[in-house]
Amino acid sequence: MSGGHDVLIVGGGPAGLATALHAARAGLDTVVAEPRRTPVDKACGEGLMPGAVRALGALGLEVPGHPVTGIRYIQGHRQVQAAFRQGPGLGVRRTSLHSVLHRAVVDAGVPVLPLKVEEVRQDATSVTVPGTGLRARWLVAADGLHSPLRRSLGLEVRTRAAPRYGLRRHYAVPPWSSYVEVHWGPHAEAYVTPLGPALVGVALLTARRAPFGTQLESFPELAARLPAEAAVTPVRGAGPLRRRARTRTYGRVLLVGDAAGYTDALTGEGVSLALAGAEALVANVRRGTPGRYETDWCRATRRHRVLTGLLVRARQQPALAPCIVPAAVRLPRLFSAAVNALA
């Protein structure tokens, strides 16, 4: 394809598609490069926080799913819960979310090209993709947790933290709660998200390298509700989860979504942060202030990065990890404040 675009987006996940939708509605000539077939699935908890639901609504999008009214922590006989104060979240299959966003982008007239992009070149006025003829004034790297573009541009920052991984599976059982339940075990957390009248998603976050079934056995009460014959999808995995980028802006390349940096899935805010980042990125490109995007991204994600980072560090300390849920039980108002600060 010859000719130049205003914005070329590499990656057609929620972050890339939301960026494309904002860009198209801002009048920017936009194109998306995404080699995977629609809908794209991913191992994630599939719970949208209220902020993500509001952001999708602001884009005029309705995503089918199951209302989520709050977060519940469970450890043995102890449990504490906090209801969302600013409207419900939503339990939604990742494929459903992707399909709605993809359809909106196509309806907005944005081409989605089946191209894999791992290397780009840029000068003072544009960014090009070698061998494709694609050229744009700005390129958005929305190519995920293990972003090839982030790595090829030398923006990857090594982390010393112990790696954590995510595993996800679906079970054809009726949800027993409208809350996302977070079950705390000795080595992992299990997230149960209501997704439909007869479907729940179970995501495990752990530093252990062991099969899903083995890890689920660490939660005997939960495992009793989830017989193996009720599993309706294979196990999908993701990780290591923590990723850092040296900057979100590098010349005419801007990073968004997981490619911009990722702390952990523990607080379930990945999609919320991706949507907020997409809006901030396009607003700055439209205003001609791309250099402000880094500042806006840091401001929009600061609360998440601080609270999630503290919680993950506590989780990884043998002396502190068993105290997280008991502390939340003793301080329910603080727990509720933390949940709603991230909602």
C-alpha atoms as a PDB file:
ATOM      1  CA  MET A   1       0.000   0.000   0.000  1.00  0.00           C
ATOM      2  CA  SER A   2       1.429   3.375  -0.994  1.00  0.00           C
ATOM      3  CA  GLY A   3       0.693   6.823   0.389  1.00  0.00           C
ATOM      4  CA  GLY A   4       0.854   8.096   3.909  1.00  0.00           C
ATOM      5  CA  HIS A   5      -1.555   7.896   6.831  1.00  0.00           C
ATOM      6  CA  ASP A   6      -1.896  10.041   9.893  1.00  0.00           C
ATOM      7  CA  VAL A   7      -1.746   7.076  12.285  1.00  0.00           C
ATOM      8  CA  LEU A   8      -0.578   3.497  11.804  1.00  0.00           C
ATOM      9  CA  ILE A   9      -1.511   1.209  14.694  1.00  0.00           C
ATOM     10  CA  VAL A  10       0.421  -2.030  15.125  1.00  0.00           C
ATOM     11  CA  GLY A  11      -1.736  -4.462  17.078  1.00  0.00           C
ATOM     12  CA  GLY A  12      -5.468  -5.065  16.929  1.00  0.00           C
ATOM     13  CA  GLY A  13      -6.253  -5.938  20.542  1.00  0.00           C
ATOM     14  CA  PRO A  14      -8.480  -3.731  22.725  1.00  0.00           C
ATOM     15  CA  ALA A  15      -5.787  -1.027  23.120  1.00  0.00           C
ATOM     16  CA  GLY A  16      -5.069  -0.814  19.401  1.00  0.00           C
ATOM     17  CA  LEU A  17      -8.715  -0.942  18.338  1.00  0.00           C
ATOM     18  CA  ALA A  18      -9.758   1.673  20.903  1.00  0.00           C
ATOM     19  CA  THR A  19      -6.937   3.904  19.662  1.00  0.00           C
ATOM     20  CA  ALA A  20      -8.127   3.395  16.088  1.00  0.00           C
ATOM     21  CA  LEU A  21     -11.690   4.267  17.018  1.00  0.00           C
ATOM     22  CA  HIS A  22     -10.673   7.451  18.848  1.00  0.00           C
ATOM     23  CA  ALA A  23      -8.375   8.409  15.960  1.00  0.00           C
ATOM     24  CA  ALA A  24     -11.017   7.845  13.293  1.00  0.00           C
ATOM     25  CA  ARG A  25     -13.543   9.897  15.241  1.00  0.00           C
ATOM     26  CA  ALA A  26     -10.951  12.666  15.544  1.00  0.00           C
ATOM     27  CA  GLY A  27     -10.744  12.784  11.745  1.00  0.00           C
ATOM     28  CA  LEU A  28      -7.319  11.141  11.497  1.00  0.00           C
ATOM     29  CA  ASP A  29      -6.536   8.870   8.539  1.00  0.00           C
ATOM     30  CA  THR A  30      -5.917   5.608  10.397  1.00  0.00           C
ATOM     31  CA  VAL A  31      -4.913   2.051   9.573  1.00  0.00           C
ATOM     32  CA  VAL A  32      -4.406  -1.018  11.799  1.00  0.00           C
ATOM     33  CA  ALA A  33      -1.934  -3.867  11.212  1.00  0.00           C
ATOM     34  CA  GLU A  34      -3.037  -7.112  12.895  1.00  0.00           C
ATOM     35  CA  PRO A  35      -2.088 -10.577  11.551  1.00  0.00           C
ATOM     36  CA  ARG A  36      -4.409 -12.607  13.806  1.00  0.00           C
ATOM     37  CA  ARG A  37      -7.931 -13.534  12.746  1.00  0.00           C
ATOM     38  CA  THR A  38     -10.899 -11.971  14.499  1.00  0.00           C
ATOM     39  CA  PRO A  39     -11.909 -12.490  17.251  1.00  0.00           C
ATOM     40  CA  VAL A  40      -8.595 -12.545  19.088  1.00  0.00           C
ATOM     41  CA  ASP A  41      -8.584 -14.404  22.411  1.00  0.00           C
ATOM     42  CA  LYS A  42      -6.209 -13.927  25.318  1.00  0.00           C
ATOM     43  CA  ALA A  43      -5.660 -15.409  28.768  1.00  0.00           C
ATOM     44  CA  CYS A  44      -7.159 -12.781  31.064  1.00  0.00           C
ATOM     45  CA  GLY A  45      -9.610 -12.488  33.930  1.00  0.00           C
ATOM     46  CA  GLU A  46     -12.333 -11.070  31.624  1.00  0.00           C
ATOM     47  CA  GLY A  47     -13.714  -8.753  34.280  1.00  0.00           C
ATOM     48  CA  LEU A  48     -14.146  -5.145  33.153  1.00  0.00           C
ATOM     49  CA  MET A  49     -13.934  -2.640  35.989  1.00  0.00           C
ATOM     50  CA  PRO A  50     -16.598   0.098  36.050  1.00  0.00           C
ATOM     51  CA  GLY A  51     -14.136   2.565  34.522  1.00  0.00           C
ATOM     52  CA  ALA A  52     -13.763   0.344  31.458  1.00  0.00           C
ATOM     53  CA  VAL A  53     -17.546   0.008  31.141  1.00  0.00           C
ATOM     54  CA  ARG A  54     -17.892   3.795  31.257  1.00  0.00           C
ATOM     55  CA  ALA A  55     -15.119   4.245  28.674  1.00  0.00           C
ATOM     56  CA  LEU A  56     -16.785   1.789  26.297  1.00  0.00           C
ATOM     57  CA  GLY A  57     -20.100   3.559  26.825  1.00  0.00           C
ATOM     58  CA  ALA A  58     -18.490   6.895  25.970  1.00  0.00           C
ATOM     59  CA  LEU A  59     -17.477   5.312  22.654  1.00  0.00           C
ATOM     60  CA  GLY A  60     -21.086   4.255  22.100  1.00  0.00           C
ATOM     61  CA  LEU A  61     -20.294   0.565  22.472  1.00  0.00           C
ATOM     62  CA  GLU A  62     -22.401  -2.086  24.167  1.00  0.00           C
ATOM     63  CA  VAL A  63     -20.652  -5.326  25.063  1.00  0.00           C
ATOM     64  CA  PRO A  64     -22.678  -8.421  26.057  1.00  0.00           C
ATOM     65  CA  GLY A  65     -21.786  -9.842  29.443  1.00  0.00           C
ATOM     66  CA  HIS A  66     -22.753 -10.413  33.060  1.00  0.00           C
ATOM     67  CA  PRO A  67     -22.973  -7.470  35.509  1.00  0.00           C
ATOM     68  CA  VAL A  68     -20.269  -7.459  38.182  1.00  0.00           C
ATOM     69  CA  THR A  69     -21.193  -5.611  41.357  1.00  0.00           C
ATOM     70  CA  GLY A  70     -17.924  -5.717  43.304  1.00  0.00           C
ATOM     71  CA  ILE A  71     -14.830  -7.596  44.429  1.00  0.00           C
ATOM     72  CA  ARG A  72     -14.660 -10.304  47.105  1.00  0.00           C
ATOM     73  CA  TYR A  73     -11.426 -11.617  48.678  1.00  0.00           C
ATOM     74  CA  ILE A  74     -11.526 -15.131  50.126  1.00  0.00           C
ATOM     75  CA  GLN A  75      -8.903 -17.036  52.113  1.00  0.00           C
ATOM     76  CA  GLY A  76     -10.129 -20.134  53.931  1.00  0.00           C
ATOM     77  CA  HIS A  77     -12.990 -19.107  56.217  1.00  0.00           C
ATOM     78  CA  ARG A  78     -12.124 -15.413  55.936  1.00  0.00           C
ATOM     79  CA  GLN A  79     -13.729 -13.185  53.342  1.00  0.00           C
ATOM     80  CA  VAL A  80     -14.326  -9.511  52.724  1.00  0.00           C
ATOM     81  CA  GLN A  81     -16.110  -7.766  49.903  1.00  0.00           C
ATOM     82  CA  ALA A  82     -16.542  -4.277  48.494  1.00  0.00           C
ATOM     83  CA  ALA A  83     -19.329  -3.143  46.195  1.00  0.00           C
ATOM     84  CA  PHE A  84     -18.591  -0.797  43.317  1.00  0.00           C
ATOM     85  CA  ARG A  85     -19.909   2.683  44.130  1.00  0.00           C
ATOM     86  CA  GLN A  86     -19.971   4.132  40.615  1.00  0.00           C
ATOM     87  CA  GLY A  87     -21.987   1.541  38.750  1.00  0.00           C
ATOM     88  CA  PRO A  88     -21.319  -2.090  37.902  1.00  0.00           C
ATOM     89  CA  GLY A  89     -18.450  -3.671  36.079  1.00  0.00           C
ATOM     90  CA  LEU A  90     -18.969  -6.378  33.504  1.00  0.00           C
ATOM     91  CA  GLY A  91     -17.851  -9.972  33.096  1.00  0.00           C
ATOM     92  CA  VAL A  92     -17.340 -10.434  29.363  1.00  0.00           C
ATOM     93  CA  ARG A  93     -15.616 -12.986  27.176  1.00  0.00           C
ATOM     94  CA  ARG A  94     -12.479 -11.555  25.650  1.00  0.00           C
ATOM     95  CA  THR A  95     -13.647 -12.675  22.222  1.00  0.00           C
ATOM     96  CA  SER A  96     -16.920 -10.768  22.637  1.00  0.00           C
ATOM     97  CA  LEU A  97     -15.085  -7.595  23.635  1.00  0.00           C
ATOM     98  CA  HIS A  98     -12.744  -7.921  20.679  1.00  0.00           C
ATOM     99  CA  SER A  99     -15.592  -8.547  18.234  1.00  0.00           C
ATOM    100  CA  VAL A 100     -17.481  -5.421  19.325  1.00  0.00           C
ATOM    101  CA  LEU A 101     -14.385  -3.220  19.083  1.00  0.00           C
ATOM    102  CA  HIS A 102     -13.353  -4.710  15.739  1.00  0.00           C
ATOM    103  CA  ARG A 103     -16.810  -4.170  14.230  1.00  0.00           C
ATOM    104  CA  ALA A 104     -16.850  -0.543  15.420  1.00  0.00           C
ATOM    105  CA  VAL A 105     -13.423   0.092  13.855  1.00  0.00           C
ATOM    106  CA  VAL A 106     -14.445  -1.459  10.536  1.00  0.00           C
ATOM    107  CA  ASP A 107     -17.724   0.493  10.563  1.00  0.00           C
ATOM    108  CA  ALA A 108     -15.673   3.660  11.112  1.00  0.00           C
ATOM    109  CA  GLY A 109     -13.898   2.955   7.821  1.00  0.00           C
ATOM    110  CA  VAL A 110     -10.526   1.979   9.307  1.00  0.00           C
ATOM    111  CA  PRO A 111      -8.701  -0.742   7.311  1.00  0.00           C
ATOM    112  CA  VAL A 112      -7.410  -3.679   9.359  1.00  0.00           C
ATOM    113  CA  LEU A 113      -4.540  -5.189   7.399  1.00  0.00           C
ATOM    114  CA  PRO A 114      -3.339  -8.791   7.989  1.00  0.00           C
ATOM    115  CA  LEU A 115       0.277  -7.739   8.515  1.00  0.00           C
ATOM    116  CA  LYS A 116       2.830  -8.598  11.180  1.00  0.00           C
ATOM    117  CA  VAL A 117       5.069  -5.660  12.043  1.00  0.00           C
ATOM    118  CA  GLU A 118       8.204  -6.176  14.115  1.00  0.00           C
ATOM    119  CA  GLU A 119      10.488  -3.438  12.811  1.00  0.00           C
ATOM    120  CA  VAL A 120       9.957   0.192  11.826  1.00  0.00           C
ATOM    121  CA  ARG A 121      12.064   3.088  10.614  1.00  0.00           C
ATOM    122  CA  GLN A 122      11.427   6.717  11.349  1.00  0.00           C
ATOM    123  CA  ASP A 123      12.690  10.141  10.380  1.00  0.00           C
ATOM    124  CA  ALA A 124      11.707  13.683  11.325  1.00  0.00           C
ATOM    125  CA  THR A 125       8.319  13.538   9.588  1.00  0.00           C
ATOM    126  CA  SER A 126       7.145   9.936   9.356  1.00  0.00           C
ATOM    127  CA  VAL A 127       7.436   6.269  10.301  1.00  0.00           C
ATOM    128  CA  THR A 128       7.672   3.494   7.713  1.00  0.00           C
ATOM    129  CA  VAL A 129       7.359  -0.288   7.823  1.00  0.00           C
ATOM    130  CA  PRO A 130      10.094  -1.849   5.644  1.00  0.00           C
ATOM    131  CA  GLY A 131       8.857  -4.022   2.807  1.00  0.00           C
ATOM    132  CA  THR A 132       5.203  -2.979   3.018  1.00  0.00           C
ATOM    133  CA  GLY A 133       5.003   0.542   1.647  1.00  0.00           C
ATOM    134  CA  LEU A 134       3.184   1.614   4.794  1.00  0.00           C
ATOM    135  CA  ARG A 135       4.020   5.101   6.000  1.00  0.00           C
ATOM    136  CA  ALA A 136       2.385   7.303   8.619  1.00  0.00           C
ATOM    137  CA  ARG A 137       3.031  10.510  10.511  1.00  0.00           C
ATOM    138  CA  TRP A 138       2.672   8.575  13.771  1.00  0.00           C
ATOM    139  CA  LEU A 139       2.959   4.916  14.654  1.00  0.00           C
ATOM    140  CA  VAL A 140       1.230   3.408  17.688  1.00  0.00           C
ATOM    141  CA  ALA A 141       2.764   0.262  19.161  1.00  0.00           C
ATOM    142  CA  ALA A 142      -0.173  -1.653  20.617  1.00  0.00           C
ATOM    143  CA  ASP A 143       1.398  -5.065  20.101  1.00  0.00           C
ATOM    144  CA  GLY A 144       0.893  -6.469  23.550  1.00  0.00           C
ATOM    145  CA  LEU A 145       2.668  -7.667  26.648  1.00  0.00           C
ATOM    146  CA  HIS A 146       5.744  -8.964  24.811  1.00  0.00           C
ATOM    147  CA  SER A 147       5.760  -6.104  22.280  1.00  0.00           C
ATOM    148  CA  PRO A 148       8.254  -6.845  19.484  1.00  0.00           C
ATOM    149  CA  LEU A 149       8.345  -3.131  18.650  1.00  0.00           C
ATOM    150  CA  ARG A 150       9.170  -2.129  22.217  1.00  0.00           C
ATOM    151  CA  ARG A 151      12.043  -4.588  22.138  1.00  0.00           C
ATOM    152  CA  SER A 152      13.301  -3.670  18.640  1.00  0.00           C
ATOM    153  CA  LEU A 153      13.369   0.031  19.556  1.00  0.00           C
ATOM    154  CA  GLY A 154      15.462  -0.659  22.656  1.00  0.00           C
ATOM    155  CA  LEU A 155      12.699   0.432  25.049  1.00  0.00           C
ATOM    156  CA  GLU A 156      12.507  -2.799  27.053  1.00  0.00           C
ATOM    157  CA  VAL A 157      13.566  -2.465  30.696  1.00  0.00           C
ATOM    158  CA  ARG A 158      14.576  -5.631  32.526  1.00  0.00           C
ATOM    159  CA  THR A 159      12.863  -6.296  35.843  1.00  0.00           C
ATOM    160  CA  ARG A 160      14.247  -8.202  38.818  1.00  0.00           C
ATOM    161  CA  ALA A 161      10.917  -9.227  40.284  1.00  0.00           C
ATOM    162  CA  ALA A 162      10.037 -12.923  40.336  1.00  0.00           C
ATOM    163  CA  PRO A 163       7.976 -13.619  37.208  1.00  0.00           C
ATOM    164  CA  ARG A 164       4.244 -14.251  37.538  1.00  0.00           C
ATOM    165  CA  TYR A 165       2.056 -16.035  35.022  1.00  0.00           C
ATOM    166  CA  GLY A 166      -1.632 -16.204  34.189  1.00  0.00           C
ATOM    167  CA  LEU A 167      -3.713 -19.276  33.279  1.00  0.00           C
ATOM    168  CA  ARG A 168      -7.387 -19.180  32.278  1.00  0.00           C
ATOM    169  CA  ARG A 169     -10.201 -21.644  31.652  1.00  0.00           C
ATOM    170  CA  HIS A 170     -14.006 -21.502  31.365  1.00  0.00           C
ATOM    171  CA  TYR A 171     -16.566 -23.693  33.100  1.00  0.00           C
ATOM    172  CA  ALA A 172     -20.203 -24.252  32.147  1.00  0.00           C
ATOM    173  CA  VAL A 173     -21.622 -23.701  35.628  1.00  0.00           C
ATOM    174  CA  PRO A 174     -24.036 -20.981  36.789  1.00  0.00           C
ATOM    175  CA  PRO A 175     -22.292 -18.084  38.559  1.00  0.00           C
ATOM    176  CA  TRP A 176     -22.860 -18.256  42.316  1.00  0.00           C
ATOM    177  CA  SER A 177     -22.111 -14.566  42.833  1.00  0.00           C
ATOM    178  CA  SER A 178     -22.279 -11.242  40.994  1.00  0.00           C
ATOM    179  CA  TYR A 179     -18.901 -10.387  42.530  1.00  0.00           C
ATOM    180  CA  VAL A 180     -15.514 -11.224  41.076  1.00  0.00           C
ATOM    181  CA  GLU A 181     -14.114 -13.589  43.678  1.00  0.00           C
ATOM    182  CA  VAL A 182     -10.397 -13.592  44.365  1.00  0.00           C
ATOM    183  CA  HIS A 183      -9.397 -16.750  46.218  1.00  0.00           C
ATOM    184  CA  TRP A 184      -6.013 -16.458  47.899  1.00  0.00           C
ATOM    185  CA  GLY A 185      -3.935 -19.609  48.153  1.00  0.00           C
ATOM    186  CA  PRO A 186      -0.410 -20.226  49.405  1.00  0.00           C
ATOM    187  CA  HIS A 187       1.153 -19.794  45.948  1.00  0.00           C
ATOM    188  CA  ALA A 188      -1.537 -18.338  43.685  1.00  0.00           C
ATOM    189  CA  GLU A 189      -4.708 -16.311  43.381  1.00  0.00           C
ATOM    190  CA  ALA A 190      -7.770 -17.705  41.612  1.00  0.00           C
ATOM    191  CA  TYR A 191     -10.155 -15.212  40.024  1.00  0.00           C
ATOM    192  CA  VAL A 192     -13.722 -16.301  39.369  1.00  0.00           C
ATOM    193  CA  THR A 193     -15.659 -14.002  37.028  1.00  0.00           C
ATOM    194  CA  PRO A 194     -19.353 -14.418  36.142  1.00  0.00           C
ATOM    195  CA  LEU A 195     -19.658 -14.307  32.344  1.00  0.00           C
ATOM    196  CA  GLY A 196     -23.185 -15.502  31.611  1.00  0.00           C
ATOM    197  CA  PRO A 197     -26.186 -17.420  32.986  1.00  0.00           C
ATOM    198  CA  ALA A 198     -24.232 -20.674  32.836  1.00  0.00           C
ATOM    199  CA  LEU A 199     -20.612 -19.658  32.413  1.00  0.00           C
ATOM    200  CA  VAL A 200     -17.772 -18.567  34.693  1.00  0.00           C
ATOM    201  CA  GLY A 201     -14.179 -17.801  33.882  1.00  0.00           C
ATOM    202  CA  VAL A 202     -11.397 -18.902  36.201  1.00  0.00           C
ATOM    203  CA  ALA A 203      -8.004 -17.221  35.971  1.00  0.00           C
ATOM    204  CA  LEU A 204      -5.005 -18.242  38.066  1.00  0.00           C
ATOM    205  CA  LEU A 205      -2.139 -15.855  38.789  1.00  0.00           C
ATOM    206  CA  THR A 206       0.962 -17.536  40.115  1.00  0.00           C
ATOM    207  CA  ALA A 207       4.738 -17.634  40.212  1.00  0.00           C
ATOM    208  CA  ARG A 208       4.665 -21.453  40.080  1.00  0.00           C
ATOM    209  CA  ARG A 209       5.123 -23.327  36.833  1.00  0.00           C
ATOM    210  CA  ALA A 210       2.538 -26.083  37.144  1.00  0.00           C
ATOM    211  CA  PRO A 211      -0.516 -27.248  35.152  1.00  0.00           C
ATOM    212  CA  PHE A 212      -3.859 -25.511  35.684  1.00  0.00           C
ATOM    213  CA  GLY A 213      -5.449 -28.558  37.328  1.00  0.00           C
ATOM    214  CA  THR A 214      -2.571 -28.935  39.765  1.00  0.00           C
ATOM    215  CA  GLN A 215      -2.793 -25.280  40.748  1.00  0.00           C
ATOM    216  CA  LEU A 216      -6.571 -25.436  41.139  1.00  0.00           C
ATOM    217  CA  GLU A 217      -6.161 -28.222  43.690  1.00  0.00           C
ATOM    218  CA  SER A 218      -4.704 -25.582  46.035  1.00  0.00           C
ATOM    219  CA  PHE A 219      -8.266 -24.225  46.317  1.00  0.00           C
ATOM    220  CA  PRO A 220     -10.279 -27.317  47.353  1.00  0.00           C
ATOM    221  CA  GLU A 221     -13.583 -25.513  47.993  1.00  0.00           C
ATOM    222  CA  LEU A 222     -13.369 -23.771  44.642  1.00  0.00           C
ATOM    223  CA  ALA A 223     -12.272 -26.933  42.838  1.00  0.00           C
ATOM    224  CA  ALA A 224     -15.350 -28.733  44.227  1.00  0.00           C
ATOM    225  CA  ARG A 225     -17.561 -26.229  42.378  1.00  0.00           C
ATOM    226  CA  LEU A 226     -15.663 -26.748  39.125  1.00  0.00           C
ATOM    227  CA  PRO A 227     -15.730 -30.411  38.051  1.00  0.00           C
ATOM    228  CA  ALA A 228     -13.376 -31.244  35.212  1.00  0.00           C
ATOM    229  CA  GLU A 229     -16.273 -32.315  32.991  1.00  0.00           C
ATOM    230  CA  ALA A 230     -17.698 -28.770  33.225  1.00  0.00           C
ATOM    231  CA  ALA A 231     -14.619 -27.247  31.551  1.00  0.00           C
ATOM    232  CA  VAL A 232     -15.612 -25.945  28.113  1.00  0.00           C
ATOM    233  CA  THR A 233     -12.394 -24.307  26.897  1.00  0.00           C
ATOM    234  CA  PRO A 234      -8.748 -25.328  26.893  1.00  0.00           C
ATOM    235  CA  VAL A 235      -6.286 -23.654  29.222  1.00  0.00           C
ATOM    236  CA  ARG A 236      -4.682 -20.485  27.880  1.00  0.00           C
ATOM    237  CA  GLY A 237      -1.583 -18.956  29.417  1.00  0.00           C
ATOM    238  CA  ALA A 238       0.166 -15.588  29.503  1.00  0.00           C
ATOM    239  CA  GLY A 239       3.332 -14.198  31.037  1.00  0.00           C
ATOM    240  CA  PRO A 240       5.665 -13.336  32.485  1.00  0.00           C
ATOM    241  CA  LEU A 241       3.323 -10.504  33.385  1.00  0.00           C
ATOM    242  CA  ARG A 242       5.488  -7.635  34.606  1.00  0.00           C
ATOM    243  CA  ARG A 243       6.868  -5.549  31.752  1.00  0.00           C
ATOM    244  CA  ARG A 244       8.469  -2.116  31.804  1.00  0.00           C
ATOM    245  CA  ALA A 245       9.099   0.367  29.013  1.00  0.00           C
ATOM    246  CA  ARG A 246      11.741   3.069  29.239  1.00  0.00           C
ATOM    247  CA  THR A 247       9.305   5.610  27.781  1.00  0.00           C
ATOM    248  CA  ARG A 248       5.896   5.735  26.091  1.00  0.00           C
ATOM    249  CA  THR A 249       7.139   8.115  23.372  1.00  0.00           C
ATOM    250  CA  TYR A 250      10.107   7.486  21.112  1.00  0.00           C
ATOM    251  CA  GLY A 251      10.281   9.931  18.263  1.00  0.00           C
ATOM    252  CA  ARG A 252       7.150   9.344  16.233  1.00  0.00           C
ATOM    253  CA  VAL A 253       6.373   6.016  17.907  1.00  0.00           C
ATOM    254  CA  LEU A 254       3.890   5.987  20.802  1.00  0.00           C
ATOM    255  CA  LEU A 255       3.232   2.945  23.031  1.00  0.00           C
ATOM    256  CA  VAL A 256      -0.199   2.057  24.397  1.00  0.00           C
ATOM    257  CA  GLY A 257      -1.846  -0.790  26.294  1.00  0.00           C
ATOM    258  CA  ASP A 258       0.308  -3.631  27.598  1.00  0.00           C
ATOM    259  CA  ALA A 259       3.103  -2.554  25.241  1.00  0.00           C
ATOM    260  CA  ALA A 260       3.419   0.680  27.251  1.00  0.00           C
ATOM    261  CA  GLY A 261       4.200  -1.267  30.419  1.00  0.00           C
ATOM    262  CA  TYR A 262       2.371  -3.698  32.673  1.00  0.00           C
ATOM    263  CA  THR A 263       2.538  -4.250  36.421  1.00  0.00           C
ATOM    264  CA  ASP A 264       0.312  -7.247  37.168  1.00  0.00           C
ATOM    265  CA  ALA A 265      -3.199  -8.572  36.565  1.00  0.00           C
ATOM    266  CA  LEU A 266      -3.891  -8.748  40.294  1.00  0.00           C
ATOM    267  CA  THR A 267      -6.246  -5.737  40.361  1.00  0.00           C
ATOM    268  CA  GLY A 268      -7.918  -6.492  37.015  1.00  0.00           C
ATOM    269  CA  GLU A 269      -7.432  -3.101  35.382  1.00  0.00           C
ATOM    270  CA  GLY A 270      -5.716  -3.980  32.111  1.00  0.00           C
ATOM    271  CA  VAL A 271      -8.577  -3.010  29.806  1.00  0.00           C
ATOM    272  CA  SER A 272      -9.408   0.132  31.801  1.00  0.00           C
ATOM    273  CA  LEU A 273      -5.824   1.344  31.484  1.00  0.00           C
ATOM    274  CA  ALA A 274      -5.707   0.461  27.779  1.00  0.00           C
ATOM    275  CA  LEU A 275      -8.853   2.485  27.076  1.00  0.00           C
ATOM    276  CA  ALA A 276      -7.621   5.458  29.102  1.00  0.00           C
ATOM    277  CA  GLY A 277      -4.250   5.325  27.358  1.00  0.00           C
ATOM    278  CA  ALA A 278      -5.867   5.179  23.910  1.00  0.00           C
ATOM    279  CA  GLU A 279      -7.938   8.278  24.606  1.00  0.00           C
ATOM    280  CA  ALA A 280      -4.970  10.231  25.993  1.00  0.00           C
ATOM    281  CA  LEU A 281      -2.726   9.238  23.091  1.00  0.00           C
ATOM    282  CA  VAL A 282      -5.152  10.366  20.396  1.00  0.00           C
ATOM    283  CA  ALA A 283      -6.004  13.585  22.231  1.00  0.00           C
ATOM    284  CA  ASN A 284      -2.328  14.562  22.230  1.00  0.00           C
ATOM    285  CA  VAL A 285      -1.756  13.595  18.603  1.00  0.00           C
ATOM    286  CA  ARG A 286      -4.817  15.603  17.583  1.00  0.00           C
ATOM    287  CA  ARG A 287      -3.682  18.651  19.587  1.00  0.00           C
ATOM    288  CA  GLY A 288      -0.143  18.409  18.245  1.00  0.00           C
ATOM    289  CA  THR A 289       1.275  17.743  21.723  1.00  0.00           C
ATOM    290  CA  PRO A 290       2.560  14.148  21.469  1.00  0.00           C
ATOM    291  CA  GLY A 291       5.267  14.897  24.014  1.00  0.00           C
ATOM    292  CA  ARG A 292       2.576  15.336  26.671  1.00  0.00           C
ATOM    293  CA  TYR A 293       1.375  11.770  26.204  1.00  0.00           C
ATOM    294  CA  GLU A 294       4.086  10.419  28.513  1.00  0.00           C
ATOM    295  CA  THR A 295       2.972  12.788  31.275  1.00  0.00           C
ATOM    296  CA  ASP A 296      -0.706  12.000  30.743  1.00  0.00           C
ATOM    297  CA  TRP A 297      -0.045   8.249  30.706  1.00  0.00           C
ATOM    298  CA  CYS A 298       1.940   8.446  33.949  1.00  0.00           C
ATOM    299  CA  ARG A 299      -0.805  10.483  35.608  1.00  0.00           C
ATOM    300  CA  ALA A 300      -3.601   8.157  34.413  1.00  0.00           C
ATOM    301  CA  THR A 301      -1.821   4.993  35.579  1.00  0.00           C
ATOM    302  CA  ARG A 302      -0.061   6.239  38.732  1.00  0.00           C
ATOM    303  CA  ARG A 303      -2.672   5.034  41.237  1.00  0.00           C
ATOM    304  CA  HIS A 304      -2.834   1.633  39.617  1.00  0.00           C
ATOM    305  CA  ARG A 305       0.950   1.252  39.442  1.00  0.00           C
ATOM    306  CA  VAL A 306       1.451   2.242  43.080  1.00  0.00           C
ATOM    307  CA  LEU A 307      -1.357   0.170  44.613  1.00  0.00           C
ATOM    308  CA  THR A 308      -0.827  -2.865  42.408  1.00  0.00           C
ATOM    309  CA  GLY A 309       2.937  -2.742  42.909  1.00  0.00           C
ATOM    310  CA  LEU A 310       2.564  -2.624  46.690  1.00  0.00           C
ATOM    311  CA  LEU A 311       0.109  -5.513  46.686  1.00  0.00           C
ATOM    312  CA  VAL A 312       2.279  -7.674  44.431  1.00  0.00           C
ATOM    313  CA  ARG A 313       5.378  -7.007  46.538  1.00  0.00           C
ATOM    314  CA  ALA A 314       3.484  -7.953  49.676  1.00  0.00           C
ATOM    315  CA  ARG A 315       2.222 -11.086  47.923  1.00  0.00           C
ATOM    316  CA  GLN A 316       5.792 -12.147  47.162  1.00  0.00           C
ATOM    317  CA  GLN A 317       6.999 -11.779  50.758  1.00  0.00           C
ATOM    318  CA  PRO A 318       6.488 -15.047  52.708  1.00  0.00           C
ATOM    319  CA  ALA A 319       5.909 -13.148  55.954  1.00  0.00           C
ATOM    320  CA  LEU A 320       3.375 -10.727  54.457  1.00  0.00           C
ATOM    321  CA  ALA A 321       1.447 -12.793  51.920  1.00  0.00           C
ATOM    322  CA  PRO A 322      -0.727 -14.662  54.482  1.00  0.00           C
ATOM    323  CA  CYS A 323      -1.678 -11.330  56.078  1.00  0.00           C
ATOM    324  CA  ILE A 324      -3.245  -9.617  53.056  1.00  0.00           C
ATOM    325  CA  VAL A 325      -6.779 -11.008  53.363  1.00  0.00           C
ATOM    326  CA  PRO A 326      -6.873 -10.932  57.210  1.00  0.00           C
ATOM    327  CA  ALA A 327      -5.826  -7.269  57.041  1.00  0.00           C
ATOM    328  CA  ALA A 328      -8.600  -6.527  54.538  1.00  0.00           C
ATOM    329  CA  VAL A 329     -11.109  -8.299  56.802  1.00  0.00           C
ATOM    330  CA  ARG A 330     -10.026  -6.194  59.780  1.00  0.00           C
ATOM    331  CA  LEU A 331     -10.105  -2.976  57.723  1.00  0.00           C
ATOM    332  CA  PRO A 332     -13.144  -3.313  55.431  1.00  0.00           C
ATOM    333  CA  ARG A 333     -13.453   0.434  54.841  1.00  0.00           C
ATOM    334  CA  LEU A 334      -9.861   0.621  53.670  1.00  0.00           C
ATOM    335  CA  PHE A 335     -10.435  -2.396  51.429  1.00  0.00           C
ATOM    336  CA  SER A 336     -13.531  -0.762  49.934  1.00  0.00           C
ATOM    337  CA  ALA A 337     -11.654   2.494  49.394  1.00  0.00           C
ATOM    338  CA  ALA A 338      -8.827   0.667  47.602  1.00  0.00           C
ATOM    339  CA  VAL A 339     -11.228  -1.274  45.370  1.00  0.00           C
ATOM    340  CA  ASN A 340     -13.142   1.859  44.394  1.00  0.00           C
ATOM    341  CA  ALA A 341      -9.964   3.868  43.888  1.00  0.00           C
ATOM    342  CA  LEU A 342      -9.112   1.424  41.126  1.00  0.00           C
ATOM    343  CA  ALA A 343     -12.659   1.121  39.763  1.00  0.00           C
END
